[in-house]
Amino acid sequence: MDALTPLLQGSRHIWRGQHHPTEHPSIPSGHPALDQAIPGGGFPAHALSEIMGVYGVGGLSLCLPMVASVSQHSLVALINPPYTPYAPALVYAGVKLDNLLLILPSTDKDLQWSIEQSAKQGSASMVLCWNPQATPKTQRRAQLASEQGQCTTICFRPAAHRHQSSHANLRLCIDASNTELHLELIKAKALVGSKHIRLARP
């Protein structure tokens, strides 16, 4: 065992009983109640996360504090949003427009390519993409690209995909009333079961 100890300690790919692996970095969402519910205290950095729900019910507004923070020093890419982002609202939320890149692919093939390349190349620190045709294969590629490019990728998907398998590190469902966002956290590292969170609607 003495000869194996240096090998075990030198590899992050080997887990040993009674050993706590190094925590991956996270990005605070800007919503304390949500960050407290997510193991790790925020959206996983350099990884893929999914927000599932009806487009336009609050997914982008949920992410605006993160976008505003990251855009102060790095590029943020918005890929295939269903509606044209309203620039004055983004500025009001603190987003630096000079560091915002809008990509509108014309085909599904171009969409998948844009997501993967934007995450992998390292020029963008955060990618927000709307990908209704995502599959386990494309999500796996997006996850690997996020790791390679050290990019935080957030994918918005229809709620019907919540039962589809996914390689995303974090998955949550979103719904809304007139005054609140209703979130269900369904996948996260060390999460047991699911968690429900209510936030005041911006």
N, C-alpha and C. Protein backbone atom coordinates (compact mmCIF):
# COMPACT_ATOMS: atom_id res chain seq x y z
N MET A 1 0.83 -1.21 0.00
CA MET A 1 0.00 0.00 0.00
C MET A 1 0.86 1.26 0.00
N ASP A 2 2.05 1.19 0.66
CA ASP A 2 2.91 2.37 0.70
C ASP A 2 3.33 2.79 -0.70
N ALA A 3 3.55 1.82 -1.58
CA ALA A 3 3.96 2.13 -2.95
C ALA A 3 2.83 2.75 -3.75
N LEU A 4 1.58 2.43 -3.39
CA LEU A 4 0.42 2.94 -4.13
C LEU A 4 0.00 4.33 -3.67
N THR A 5 0.35 4.69 -2.44
CA THR A 5 -0.12 5.96 -1.87
C THR A 5 0.20 7.16 -2.73
N PRO A 6 1.44 7.33 -3.22
CA PRO A 6 1.72 8.50 -4.06
C PRO A 6 0.88 8.53 -5.34
N LEU A 7 0.61 7.35 -5.91
CA LEU A 7 -0.22 7.30 -7.12
C LEU A 7 -1.66 7.70 -6.83
N LEU A 8 -2.18 7.22 -5.70
CA LEU A 8 -3.56 7.55 -5.33
C LEU A 8 -3.71 9.04 -5.03
N GLN A 9 -2.75 9.60 -4.33
CA GLN A 9 -2.82 11.00 -3.95
C GLN A 9 -2.57 11.93 -5.13
N GLY A 10 -1.88 11.42 -6.15
CA GLY A 10 -1.53 12.27 -7.27
C GLY A 10 -2.55 12.31 -8.38
N SER A 11 -3.62 11.54 -8.27
CA SER A 11 -4.63 11.53 -9.34
C SER A 11 -5.97 11.99 -8.81
N ARG A 12 -6.55 12.97 -9.53
CA ARG A 12 -7.88 13.46 -9.16
C ARG A 12 -8.98 12.57 -9.70
N HIS A 13 -8.60 11.56 -10.50
CA HIS A 13 -9.59 10.67 -11.11
C HIS A 13 -9.90 9.46 -10.24
N ILE A 14 -9.18 9.30 -9.13
CA ILE A 14 -9.38 8.15 -8.26
C ILE A 14 -10.00 8.63 -6.96
N TRP A 15 -11.14 8.05 -6.63
CA TRP A 15 -11.82 8.39 -5.38
C TRP A 15 -11.58 7.29 -4.36
N ARG A 16 -11.28 7.68 -3.14
CA ARG A 16 -11.05 6.71 -2.07
C ARG A 16 -12.09 6.92 -0.98
N GLY A 17 -12.51 5.82 -0.33
CA GLY A 17 -13.45 5.92 0.77
C GLY A 17 -12.93 6.83 1.86
N GLN A 18 -13.85 7.57 2.49
CA GLN A 18 -13.53 8.50 3.57
C GLN A 18 -12.61 9.62 3.08
N HIS A 19 -12.68 9.88 1.78
CA HIS A 19 -11.88 10.98 1.23
C HIS A 19 -12.83 11.91 0.49
N HIS A 20 -12.73 13.19 0.76
CA HIS A 20 -13.61 14.16 0.15
C HIS A 20 -12.89 14.80 -1.03
N PRO A 21 -13.39 14.62 -2.26
CA PRO A 21 -12.73 15.18 -3.42
C PRO A 21 -12.77 16.70 -3.40
N THR A 22 -11.86 17.31 -4.14
CA THR A 22 -11.81 18.76 -4.22
C THR A 22 -13.09 19.29 -4.85
N GLU A 23 -13.66 20.31 -4.23
CA GLU A 23 -14.89 20.88 -4.73
C GLU A 23 -14.62 21.66 -6.02
N HIS A 24 -15.52 21.51 -6.98
CA HIS A 24 -15.40 22.28 -8.21
C HIS A 24 -15.87 23.70 -7.94
N PRO A 25 -15.29 24.70 -8.63
CA PRO A 25 -15.71 26.08 -8.41
C PRO A 25 -17.14 26.30 -8.87
N SER A 26 -17.77 27.30 -8.32
CA SER A 26 -19.14 27.61 -8.70
C SER A 26 -19.28 29.12 -8.86
N ILE A 27 -20.35 29.53 -9.53
CA ILE A 27 -20.66 30.94 -9.74
C ILE A 27 -21.97 31.25 -9.03
N PRO A 28 -21.96 32.16 -8.06
CA PRO A 28 -23.21 32.50 -7.38
C PRO A 28 -24.25 33.00 -8.38
N SER A 29 -25.48 32.55 -8.20
CA SER A 29 -26.55 32.94 -9.13
C SER A 29 -27.02 34.36 -8.91
N GLY A 30 -26.70 34.92 -7.74
CA GLY A 30 -27.23 36.23 -7.39
C GLY A 30 -28.54 36.15 -6.63
N HIS A 31 -29.01 34.91 -6.39
CA HIS A 31 -30.24 34.67 -5.63
C HIS A 31 -29.86 33.81 -4.42
N PRO A 32 -29.72 34.39 -3.24
CA PRO A 32 -29.24 33.64 -2.07
C PRO A 32 -30.02 32.36 -1.79
N ALA A 33 -31.34 32.39 -1.92
CA ALA A 33 -32.13 31.19 -1.63
C ALA A 33 -31.79 30.05 -2.59
N LEU A 34 -31.53 30.38 -3.85
CA LEU A 34 -31.16 29.36 -4.83
C LEU A 34 -29.75 28.85 -4.56
N ASP A 35 -28.83 29.75 -4.27
CA ASP A 35 -27.45 29.33 -4.00
C ASP A 35 -27.36 28.42 -2.78
N GLN A 36 -28.19 28.69 -1.78
CA GLN A 36 -28.19 27.84 -0.58
C GLN A 36 -28.73 26.45 -0.89
N ALA A 37 -29.60 26.34 -1.88
CA ALA A 37 -30.19 25.04 -2.21
C ALA A 37 -29.27 24.20 -3.09
N ILE A 38 -28.39 24.84 -3.85
CA ILE A 38 -27.51 24.12 -4.77
C ILE A 38 -26.26 23.66 -4.02
N PRO A 39 -25.99 22.37 -3.96
CA PRO A 39 -24.72 21.93 -3.37
C PRO A 39 -23.55 22.58 -4.10
N GLY A 40 -22.70 23.24 -3.36
CA GLY A 40 -21.60 23.98 -3.97
C GLY A 40 -21.83 25.47 -3.98
N GLY A 41 -23.07 25.90 -3.72
CA GLY A 41 -23.33 27.33 -3.54
C GLY A 41 -23.52 28.14 -4.81
N GLY A 42 -23.81 27.50 -5.94
CA GLY A 42 -24.04 28.26 -7.16
C GLY A 42 -23.97 27.35 -8.38
N PHE A 43 -24.09 27.97 -9.55
CA PHE A 43 -24.00 27.20 -10.80
C PHE A 43 -22.57 26.71 -10.98
N PRO A 44 -22.39 25.44 -11.36
CA PRO A 44 -21.03 24.92 -11.52
C PRO A 44 -20.28 25.63 -12.64
N ALA A 45 -19.08 26.12 -12.33
CA ALA A 45 -18.25 26.78 -13.33
C ALA A 45 -17.60 25.73 -14.23
N HIS A 46 -17.30 26.13 -15.46
CA HIS A 46 -16.61 25.26 -16.41
C HIS A 46 -17.39 23.96 -16.64
N ALA A 47 -18.70 24.07 -16.68
CA ALA A 47 -19.56 22.90 -16.82
C ALA A 47 -20.87 23.32 -17.47
N LEU A 48 -21.67 22.32 -17.81
CA LEU A 48 -22.98 22.54 -18.43
C LEU A 48 -24.08 22.46 -17.38
N SER A 49 -24.98 23.43 -17.42
CA SER A 49 -26.19 23.42 -16.60
C SER A 49 -27.40 23.55 -17.52
N GLU A 50 -28.55 23.08 -17.06
CA GLU A 50 -29.78 23.16 -17.84
C GLU A 50 -30.88 23.83 -17.02
N ILE A 51 -31.62 24.71 -17.69
CA ILE A 51 -32.82 25.31 -17.13
C ILE A 51 -33.97 24.95 -18.06
N MET A 52 -34.93 24.20 -17.55
CA MET A 52 -36.02 23.69 -18.37
C MET A 52 -37.34 24.36 -18.02
N GLY A 53 -38.08 24.75 -19.03
CA GLY A 53 -39.36 25.41 -18.82
C GLY A 53 -39.83 26.03 -20.11
N VAL A 54 -40.97 26.72 -20.04
CA VAL A 54 -41.49 27.43 -21.20
C VAL A 54 -40.62 28.65 -21.45
N TYR A 55 -40.16 28.82 -22.67
CA TYR A 55 -39.33 29.97 -23.00
C TYR A 55 -40.09 31.27 -22.70
N GLY A 56 -39.40 32.18 -22.03
CA GLY A 56 -39.99 33.48 -21.74
C GLY A 56 -40.61 33.61 -20.37
N VAL A 57 -40.54 32.55 -19.53
CA VAL A 57 -41.18 32.63 -18.21
C VAL A 57 -40.21 33.07 -17.12
N GLY A 58 -38.99 33.45 -17.47
CA GLY A 58 -38.09 33.96 -16.44
C GLY A 58 -36.71 33.34 -16.43
N GLY A 59 -36.41 32.47 -17.40
CA GLY A 59 -35.11 31.82 -17.41
C GLY A 59 -33.96 32.80 -17.56
N LEU A 60 -34.07 33.72 -18.52
CA LEU A 60 -33.00 34.69 -18.73
C LEU A 60 -32.88 35.64 -17.55
N SER A 61 -34.01 36.11 -17.03
CA SER A 61 -33.96 37.04 -15.90
C SER A 61 -33.34 36.37 -14.67
N LEU A 62 -33.54 35.05 -14.53
CA LEU A 62 -32.91 34.32 -13.43
C LEU A 62 -31.39 34.39 -13.54
N CYS A 63 -30.88 34.38 -14.77
CA CYS A 63 -29.43 34.34 -14.99
C CYS A 63 -28.80 35.71 -15.10
N LEU A 64 -29.59 36.77 -15.16
CA LEU A 64 -29.02 38.10 -15.40
C LEU A 64 -27.98 38.53 -14.38
N PRO A 65 -28.16 38.24 -13.08
CA PRO A 65 -27.08 38.62 -12.15
C PRO A 65 -25.74 37.98 -12.49
N MET A 66 -25.75 36.71 -12.92
CA MET A 66 -24.51 36.05 -13.33
C MET A 66 -23.96 36.67 -14.60
N VAL A 67 -24.84 36.93 -15.57
CA VAL A 67 -24.40 37.53 -16.83
C VAL A 67 -23.79 38.90 -16.57
N ALA A 68 -24.44 39.68 -15.72
CA ALA A 68 -23.92 41.01 -15.40
C ALA A 68 -22.54 40.93 -14.77
N SER A 69 -22.36 39.99 -13.84
CA SER A 69 -21.07 39.85 -13.17
C SER A 69 -19.97 39.42 -14.13
N VAL A 70 -20.24 38.39 -14.93
CA VAL A 70 -19.22 37.87 -15.85
C VAL A 70 -18.90 38.87 -16.94
N SER A 71 -19.91 39.62 -17.41
CA SER A 71 -19.70 40.55 -18.53
C SER A 71 -18.82 41.74 -18.15
N GLN A 72 -18.58 41.94 -16.87
CA GLN A 72 -17.71 43.07 -16.48
C GLN A 72 -16.27 42.84 -16.91
N HIS A 73 -15.88 41.58 -17.09
CA HIS A 73 -14.48 41.29 -17.40
C HIS A 73 -14.30 40.27 -18.50
N SER A 74 -15.39 39.62 -18.97
CA SER A 74 -15.25 38.55 -19.96
C SER A 74 -16.42 38.57 -20.93
N LEU A 75 -16.25 37.83 -22.02
CA LEU A 75 -17.28 37.75 -23.05
C LEU A 75 -18.37 36.75 -22.65
N VAL A 76 -19.62 37.13 -22.88
CA VAL A 76 -20.77 36.26 -22.67
C VAL A 76 -21.48 36.10 -24.02
N ALA A 77 -21.70 34.86 -24.44
CA ALA A 77 -22.36 34.60 -25.71
C ALA A 77 -23.81 34.17 -25.48
N LEU A 78 -24.73 34.78 -26.21
CA LEU A 78 -26.14 34.38 -26.21
C LEU A 78 -26.41 33.74 -27.57
N ILE A 79 -26.78 32.46 -27.55
CA ILE A 79 -26.94 31.70 -28.79
C ILE A 79 -28.39 31.26 -28.95
N ASN A 80 -29.01 31.69 -30.03
CA ASN A 80 -30.35 31.27 -30.42
C ASN A 80 -31.45 31.67 -29.43
N PRO A 81 -31.40 32.88 -28.87
CA PRO A 81 -32.51 33.27 -27.98
C PRO A 81 -33.81 33.36 -28.77
N PRO A 82 -34.95 32.95 -28.18
CA PRO A 82 -36.22 32.97 -28.90
C PRO A 82 -36.75 34.38 -29.15
N TYR A 83 -36.29 35.34 -28.35
CA TYR A 83 -36.69 36.73 -28.52
C TYR A 83 -35.43 37.59 -28.54
N THR A 84 -35.50 38.71 -29.24
CA THR A 84 -34.35 39.61 -29.27
C THR A 84 -34.16 40.25 -27.90
N PRO A 85 -32.99 40.07 -27.29
CA PRO A 85 -32.76 40.68 -25.97
C PRO A 85 -32.96 42.19 -26.03
N TYR A 86 -33.60 42.72 -24.99
CA TYR A 86 -33.90 44.16 -24.93
C TYR A 86 -32.73 44.87 -24.27
N ALA A 87 -31.96 45.59 -25.06
CA ALA A 87 -30.71 46.18 -24.57
C ALA A 87 -30.89 47.08 -23.34
N PRO A 88 -31.89 47.98 -23.29
CA PRO A 88 -32.03 48.82 -22.09
C PRO A 88 -32.24 48.01 -20.81
N ALA A 89 -32.99 46.90 -20.92
CA ALA A 89 -33.20 46.05 -19.73
C ALA A 89 -31.90 45.39 -19.30
N LEU A 90 -31.09 44.99 -20.27
CA LEU A 90 -29.80 44.37 -19.93
C LEU A 90 -28.89 45.39 -19.24
N VAL A 91 -28.86 46.60 -19.76
CA VAL A 91 -28.04 47.66 -19.14
C VAL A 91 -28.54 47.95 -17.73
N TYR A 92 -29.86 48.00 -17.56
CA TYR A 92 -30.43 48.26 -16.23
C TYR A 92 -30.03 47.16 -15.24
N ALA A 93 -29.88 45.92 -15.74
CA ALA A 93 -29.49 44.80 -14.89
C ALA A 93 -27.98 44.78 -14.62
N GLY A 94 -27.24 45.67 -15.26
CA GLY A 94 -25.81 45.76 -15.01
C GLY A 94 -24.94 45.05 -16.03
N VAL A 95 -25.55 44.57 -17.13
CA VAL A 95 -24.78 43.86 -18.15
C VAL A 95 -23.97 44.85 -18.97
N LYS A 96 -22.71 44.53 -19.21
CA LYS A 96 -21.84 45.34 -20.05
C LYS A 96 -22.02 44.87 -21.50
N LEU A 97 -22.71 45.67 -22.29
CA LEU A 97 -23.09 45.26 -23.64
C LEU A 97 -21.88 45.03 -24.55
N ASP A 98 -20.78 45.72 -24.29
CA ASP A 98 -19.59 45.54 -25.13
C ASP A 98 -19.06 44.12 -25.05
N ASN A 99 -19.38 43.41 -23.98
CA ASN A 99 -18.90 42.04 -23.80
C ASN A 99 -20.00 41.02 -24.01
N LEU A 100 -21.03 41.41 -24.77
CA LEU A 100 -22.14 40.51 -25.06
C LEU A 100 -22.12 40.18 -26.55
N LEU A 101 -22.12 38.90 -26.87
CA LEU A 101 -22.10 38.44 -28.26
C LEU A 101 -23.40 37.70 -28.55
N LEU A 102 -24.13 38.12 -29.58
CA LEU A 102 -25.39 37.49 -29.97
C LEU A 102 -25.16 36.65 -31.23
N ILE A 103 -25.48 35.35 -31.14
CA ILE A 103 -25.29 34.42 -32.26
C ILE A 103 -26.65 33.83 -32.63
N LEU A 104 -27.01 33.95 -33.91
CA LEU A 104 -28.32 33.47 -34.39
C LEU A 104 -28.10 32.45 -35.50
N PRO A 105 -27.91 31.19 -35.15
CA PRO A 105 -27.69 30.15 -36.18
C PRO A 105 -28.95 29.96 -37.03
N SER A 106 -28.74 29.59 -38.28
CA SER A 106 -29.88 29.43 -39.20
C SER A 106 -30.38 28.00 -39.28
N THR A 107 -29.57 27.03 -38.85
CA THR A 107 -29.97 25.62 -38.89
C THR A 107 -29.63 24.96 -37.56
N ASP A 108 -30.24 23.81 -37.30
CA ASP A 108 -29.94 23.09 -36.06
C ASP A 108 -28.48 22.64 -36.03
N LYS A 109 -27.95 22.25 -37.18
CA LYS A 109 -26.54 21.85 -37.24
C LYS A 109 -25.63 23.01 -36.85
N ASP A 110 -25.96 24.21 -37.36
CA ASP A 110 -25.17 25.39 -37.01
C ASP A 110 -25.32 25.73 -35.53
N LEU A 111 -26.51 25.50 -34.98
CA LEU A 111 -26.75 25.75 -33.56
C LEU A 111 -25.86 24.88 -32.70
N GLN A 112 -25.86 23.58 -32.97
CA GLN A 112 -25.05 22.66 -32.16
C GLN A 112 -23.56 23.00 -32.29
N TRP A 113 -23.13 23.34 -33.50
CA TRP A 113 -21.73 23.71 -33.75
C TRP A 113 -21.38 24.98 -32.98
N SER A 114 -22.27 25.96 -33.02
CA SER A 114 -22.01 27.25 -32.35
C SER A 114 -21.87 27.07 -30.85
N ILE A 115 -22.74 26.25 -30.26
CA ILE A 115 -22.66 26.02 -28.82
C ILE A 115 -21.34 25.36 -28.45
N GLU A 116 -21.01 24.31 -29.18
CA GLU A 116 -19.79 23.57 -28.86
C GLU A 116 -18.55 24.43 -29.06
N GLN A 117 -18.46 25.13 -30.18
CA GLN A 117 -17.26 25.92 -30.45
C GLN A 117 -17.14 27.12 -29.52
N SER A 118 -18.25 27.77 -29.21
CA SER A 118 -18.22 28.93 -28.31
C SER A 118 -17.72 28.53 -26.93
N ALA A 119 -18.14 27.35 -26.46
CA ALA A 119 -17.70 26.88 -25.14
C ALA A 119 -16.27 26.39 -25.16
N LYS A 120 -15.86 25.78 -26.27
CA LYS A 120 -14.55 25.12 -26.32
C LYS A 120 -13.39 26.06 -26.61
N GLN A 121 -13.63 27.13 -27.37
CA GLN A 121 -12.52 27.95 -27.84
C GLN A 121 -11.90 28.81 -26.75
N GLY A 122 -12.64 29.07 -25.67
CA GLY A 122 -12.06 29.82 -24.56
C GLY A 122 -12.21 31.32 -24.66
N SER A 123 -12.80 31.83 -25.74
CA SER A 123 -12.98 33.28 -25.87
C SER A 123 -14.13 33.77 -25.01
N ALA A 124 -15.16 32.94 -24.82
CA ALA A 124 -16.29 33.29 -23.97
C ALA A 124 -16.17 32.58 -22.63
N SER A 125 -16.39 33.32 -21.56
CA SER A 125 -16.37 32.72 -20.22
C SER A 125 -17.73 32.13 -19.85
N MET A 126 -18.78 32.61 -20.52
CA MET A 126 -20.13 32.10 -20.27
C MET A 126 -20.90 32.03 -21.57
N VAL A 127 -21.63 30.93 -21.76
CA VAL A 127 -22.50 30.76 -22.91
C VAL A 127 -23.91 30.47 -22.42
N LEU A 128 -24.87 31.23 -22.89
CA LEU A 128 -26.28 30.94 -22.66
C LEU A 128 -26.88 30.55 -24.00
N CYS A 129 -27.48 29.37 -24.07
CA CYS A 129 -28.00 28.90 -25.35
C CYS A 129 -29.41 28.34 -25.17
N TRP A 130 -30.21 28.53 -26.20
CA TRP A 130 -31.57 27.99 -26.24
C TRP A 130 -31.55 26.87 -27.26
N ASN A 131 -31.70 25.63 -26.79
CA ASN A 131 -31.45 24.47 -27.64
C ASN A 131 -32.61 23.47 -27.53
N PRO A 132 -33.72 23.74 -28.22
CA PRO A 132 -34.89 22.85 -28.10
C PRO A 132 -34.66 21.46 -28.69
N GLN A 133 -33.67 21.31 -29.57
CA GLN A 133 -33.41 20.01 -30.21
C GLN A 133 -32.24 19.27 -29.56
N ALA A 134 -31.85 19.66 -28.37
CA ALA A 134 -30.72 19.02 -27.70
C ALA A 134 -31.01 17.54 -27.47
N THR A 135 -29.97 16.73 -27.57
CA THR A 135 -30.04 15.29 -27.31
C THR A 135 -28.96 14.94 -26.30
N PRO A 136 -29.03 13.75 -25.70
CA PRO A 136 -27.94 13.35 -24.79
C PRO A 136 -26.56 13.47 -25.44
N LYS A 137 -26.47 13.17 -26.74
CA LYS A 137 -25.18 13.26 -27.43
C LYS A 137 -24.69 14.70 -27.53
N THR A 138 -25.58 15.62 -27.94
CA THR A 138 -25.15 17.01 -28.07
C THR A 138 -24.85 17.61 -26.70
N GLN A 139 -25.58 17.21 -25.67
CA GLN A 139 -25.31 17.72 -24.33
C GLN A 139 -23.98 17.19 -23.79
N ARG A 140 -23.66 15.95 -24.13
CA ARG A 140 -22.36 15.41 -23.74
C ARG A 140 -21.24 16.21 -24.39
N ARG A 141 -21.39 16.54 -25.66
CA ARG A 141 -20.38 17.33 -26.36
C ARG A 141 -20.28 18.73 -25.77
N ALA A 142 -21.41 19.30 -25.40
CA ALA A 142 -21.40 20.63 -24.78
C ALA A 142 -20.71 20.60 -23.42
N GLN A 143 -20.94 19.54 -22.65
CA GLN A 143 -20.29 19.40 -21.35
C GLN A 143 -18.78 19.29 -21.52
N LEU A 144 -18.33 18.46 -22.45
CA LEU A 144 -16.89 18.30 -22.67
C LEU A 144 -16.27 19.59 -23.19
N ALA A 145 -16.98 20.30 -24.06
CA ALA A 145 -16.48 21.57 -24.57
C ALA A 145 -16.35 22.61 -23.45
N SER A 146 -17.31 22.62 -22.52
CA SER A 146 -17.27 23.55 -21.40
C SER A 146 -16.07 23.29 -20.50
N GLU A 147 -15.79 22.01 -20.27
CA GLU A 147 -14.62 21.65 -19.47
C GLU A 147 -13.34 22.06 -20.18
N GLN A 148 -13.27 21.79 -21.48
CA GLN A 148 -12.06 22.09 -22.23
C GLN A 148 -11.80 23.59 -22.30
N GLY A 149 -12.84 24.37 -22.55
CA GLY A 149 -12.68 25.81 -22.69
C GLY A 149 -12.83 26.58 -21.40
N GLN A 150 -13.04 25.85 -20.28
CA GLN A 150 -13.28 26.49 -18.98
C GLN A 150 -14.39 27.54 -19.10
N CYS A 151 -15.48 27.12 -19.70
CA CYS A 151 -16.62 27.99 -19.95
C CYS A 151 -17.82 27.50 -19.15
N THR A 152 -18.57 28.41 -18.58
CA THR A 152 -19.81 28.08 -17.89
C THR A 152 -20.95 28.16 -18.91
N THR A 153 -21.55 27.02 -19.20
CA THR A 153 -22.59 26.95 -20.23
C THR A 153 -23.94 26.67 -19.59
N ILE A 154 -24.93 27.47 -19.93
CA ILE A 154 -26.29 27.29 -19.43
C ILE A 154 -27.20 27.10 -20.62
N CYS A 155 -27.86 25.97 -20.65
CA CYS A 155 -28.72 25.60 -21.78
C CYS A 155 -30.18 25.65 -21.36
N PHE A 156 -30.98 26.40 -22.10
CA PHE A 156 -32.42 26.47 -21.85
C PHE A 156 -33.11 25.45 -22.75
N ARG A 157 -33.96 24.61 -22.15
CA ARG A 157 -34.62 23.55 -22.87
C ARG A 157 -36.10 23.50 -22.50
N PRO A 158 -36.96 22.95 -23.36
CA PRO A 158 -38.38 22.81 -23.01
C PRO A 158 -38.56 21.90 -21.80
N ALA A 159 -39.61 22.16 -21.04
CA ALA A 159 -39.86 21.40 -19.81
C ALA A 159 -40.09 19.92 -20.10
N ALA A 160 -40.55 19.59 -21.30
CA ALA A 160 -40.83 18.19 -21.64
C ALA A 160 -39.57 17.33 -21.61
N HIS A 161 -38.40 17.96 -21.61
CA HIS A 161 -37.14 17.21 -21.63
C HIS A 161 -36.61 16.90 -20.23
N ARG A 162 -37.37 17.20 -19.21
CA ARG A 162 -36.85 17.01 -17.86
C ARG A 162 -36.58 15.54 -17.55
N HIS A 163 -37.29 14.62 -18.20
CA HIS A 163 -37.09 13.20 -17.93
C HIS A 163 -36.06 12.57 -18.87
N GLN A 164 -35.54 13.34 -19.80
CA GLN A 164 -34.51 12.83 -20.69
C GLN A 164 -33.16 12.84 -19.97
N SER A 165 -32.37 11.80 -20.19
CA SER A 165 -31.06 11.77 -19.55
C SER A 165 -30.20 12.91 -20.08
N SER A 166 -29.29 13.39 -19.26
CA SER A 166 -28.46 14.52 -19.65
C SER A 166 -27.14 14.46 -18.90
N HIS A 167 -26.08 14.95 -19.56
CA HIS A 167 -24.76 15.02 -18.93
C HIS A 167 -24.55 16.34 -18.19
N ALA A 168 -25.57 17.18 -18.12
CA ALA A 168 -25.43 18.45 -17.40
C ALA A 168 -25.15 18.20 -15.93
N ASN A 169 -24.30 19.04 -15.35
CA ASN A 169 -23.98 18.92 -13.93
C ASN A 169 -25.11 19.40 -13.04
N LEU A 170 -25.87 20.37 -13.53
CA LEU A 170 -26.97 20.96 -12.77
C LEU A 170 -28.18 21.05 -13.68
N ARG A 171 -29.35 20.63 -13.16
CA ARG A 171 -30.59 20.72 -13.93
C ARG A 171 -31.68 21.26 -13.01
N LEU A 172 -32.41 22.25 -13.52
CA LEU A 172 -33.55 22.75 -12.75
C LEU A 172 -34.68 23.11 -13.70
N CYS A 173 -35.90 23.03 -13.17
CA CYS A 173 -37.10 23.40 -13.92
C CYS A 173 -37.61 24.72 -13.38
N ILE A 174 -38.16 25.53 -14.28
CA ILE A 174 -38.64 26.85 -13.89
C ILE A 174 -40.07 27.06 -14.36
N ASP A 175 -40.87 27.67 -13.50
CA ASP A 175 -42.23 28.09 -13.83
C ASP A 175 -42.42 29.42 -13.12
N ALA A 176 -43.51 30.09 -13.39
CA ALA A 176 -43.68 31.42 -12.81
C ALA A 176 -45.14 31.74 -12.59
N SER A 177 -45.38 32.55 -11.56
CA SER A 177 -46.67 33.17 -11.35
C SER A 177 -46.48 34.67 -11.60
N ASN A 178 -47.47 35.46 -11.28
CA ASN A 178 -47.33 36.90 -11.50
C ASN A 178 -46.26 37.52 -10.61
N THR A 179 -46.00 36.92 -9.47
CA THR A 179 -45.08 37.54 -8.51
C THR A 179 -43.86 36.69 -8.17
N GLU A 180 -43.86 35.40 -8.55
CA GLU A 180 -42.78 34.52 -8.12
C GLU A 180 -42.26 33.66 -9.26
N LEU A 181 -40.99 33.27 -9.12
CA LEU A 181 -40.42 32.21 -9.94
C LEU A 181 -40.44 30.93 -9.11
N HIS A 182 -40.94 29.86 -9.67
CA HIS A 182 -40.99 28.57 -8.98
C HIS A 182 -39.92 27.67 -9.60
N LEU A 183 -38.95 27.27 -8.81
CA LEU A 183 -37.83 26.47 -9.30
C LEU A 183 -37.84 25.10 -8.63
N GLU A 184 -37.57 24.09 -9.43
CA GLU A 184 -37.39 22.74 -8.90
C GLU A 184 -35.99 22.27 -9.29
N LEU A 185 -35.17 22.05 -8.30
CA LEU A 185 -33.81 21.56 -8.52
C LEU A 185 -33.88 20.04 -8.59
N ILE A 186 -33.58 19.48 -9.78
CA ILE A 186 -33.76 18.03 -9.97
C ILE A 186 -32.45 17.28 -10.13
N LYS A 187 -31.35 18.00 -10.37
CA LYS A 187 -30.06 17.32 -10.46
C LYS A 187 -28.95 18.27 -10.07
N ALA A 188 -28.11 17.82 -9.17
CA ALA A 188 -26.92 18.56 -8.77
C ALA A 188 -26.01 17.59 -8.03
N LYS A 189 -24.75 17.89 -7.98
CA LYS A 189 -23.81 17.03 -7.29
C LYS A 189 -24.22 16.91 -5.82
N ALA A 190 -24.31 15.69 -5.34
CA ALA A 190 -24.64 15.37 -3.95
C ALA A 190 -26.11 15.67 -3.60
N LEU A 191 -26.94 15.97 -4.60
CA LEU A 191 -28.35 16.23 -4.33
C LEU A 191 -29.09 14.91 -4.17
N VAL A 192 -29.91 14.81 -3.13
CA VAL A 192 -30.75 13.65 -2.90
C VAL A 192 -32.20 14.09 -3.08
N GLY A 193 -32.91 13.45 -4.01
CA GLY A 193 -34.29 13.85 -4.27
C GLY A 193 -34.32 15.12 -5.09
N SER A 194 -35.24 16.01 -4.78
CA SER A 194 -35.34 17.29 -5.47
C SER A 194 -35.64 18.37 -4.44
N LYS A 195 -35.44 19.62 -4.84
CA LYS A 195 -35.71 20.74 -3.95
C LYS A 195 -36.55 21.76 -4.69
N HIS A 196 -37.45 22.41 -3.96
CA HIS A 196 -38.29 23.44 -4.53
C HIS A 196 -37.92 24.79 -3.91
N ILE A 197 -37.76 25.78 -4.77
CA ILE A 197 -37.34 27.11 -4.34
C ILE A 197 -38.28 28.13 -4.95
N ARG A 198 -38.67 29.11 -4.17
CA ARG A 198 -39.49 30.21 -4.67
C ARG A 198 -38.70 31.51 -4.56
N LEU A 199 -38.70 32.27 -5.64
CA LEU A 199 -38.00 33.55 -5.68
C LEU A 199 -38.96 34.64 -6.11
N ALA A 200 -38.77 35.85 -5.59
CA ALA A 200 -39.56 36.97 -6.05
C ALA A 200 -39.23 37.23 -7.51
N ARG A 201 -40.25 37.44 -8.32
CA ARG A 201 -40.02 37.66 -9.75
C ARG A 201 -39.45 39.05 -9.97
N PRO A 202 -38.37 39.17 -10.76
CA PRO A 202 -37.75 40.48 -11.00
C PRO A 202 -38.72 41.44 -11.67
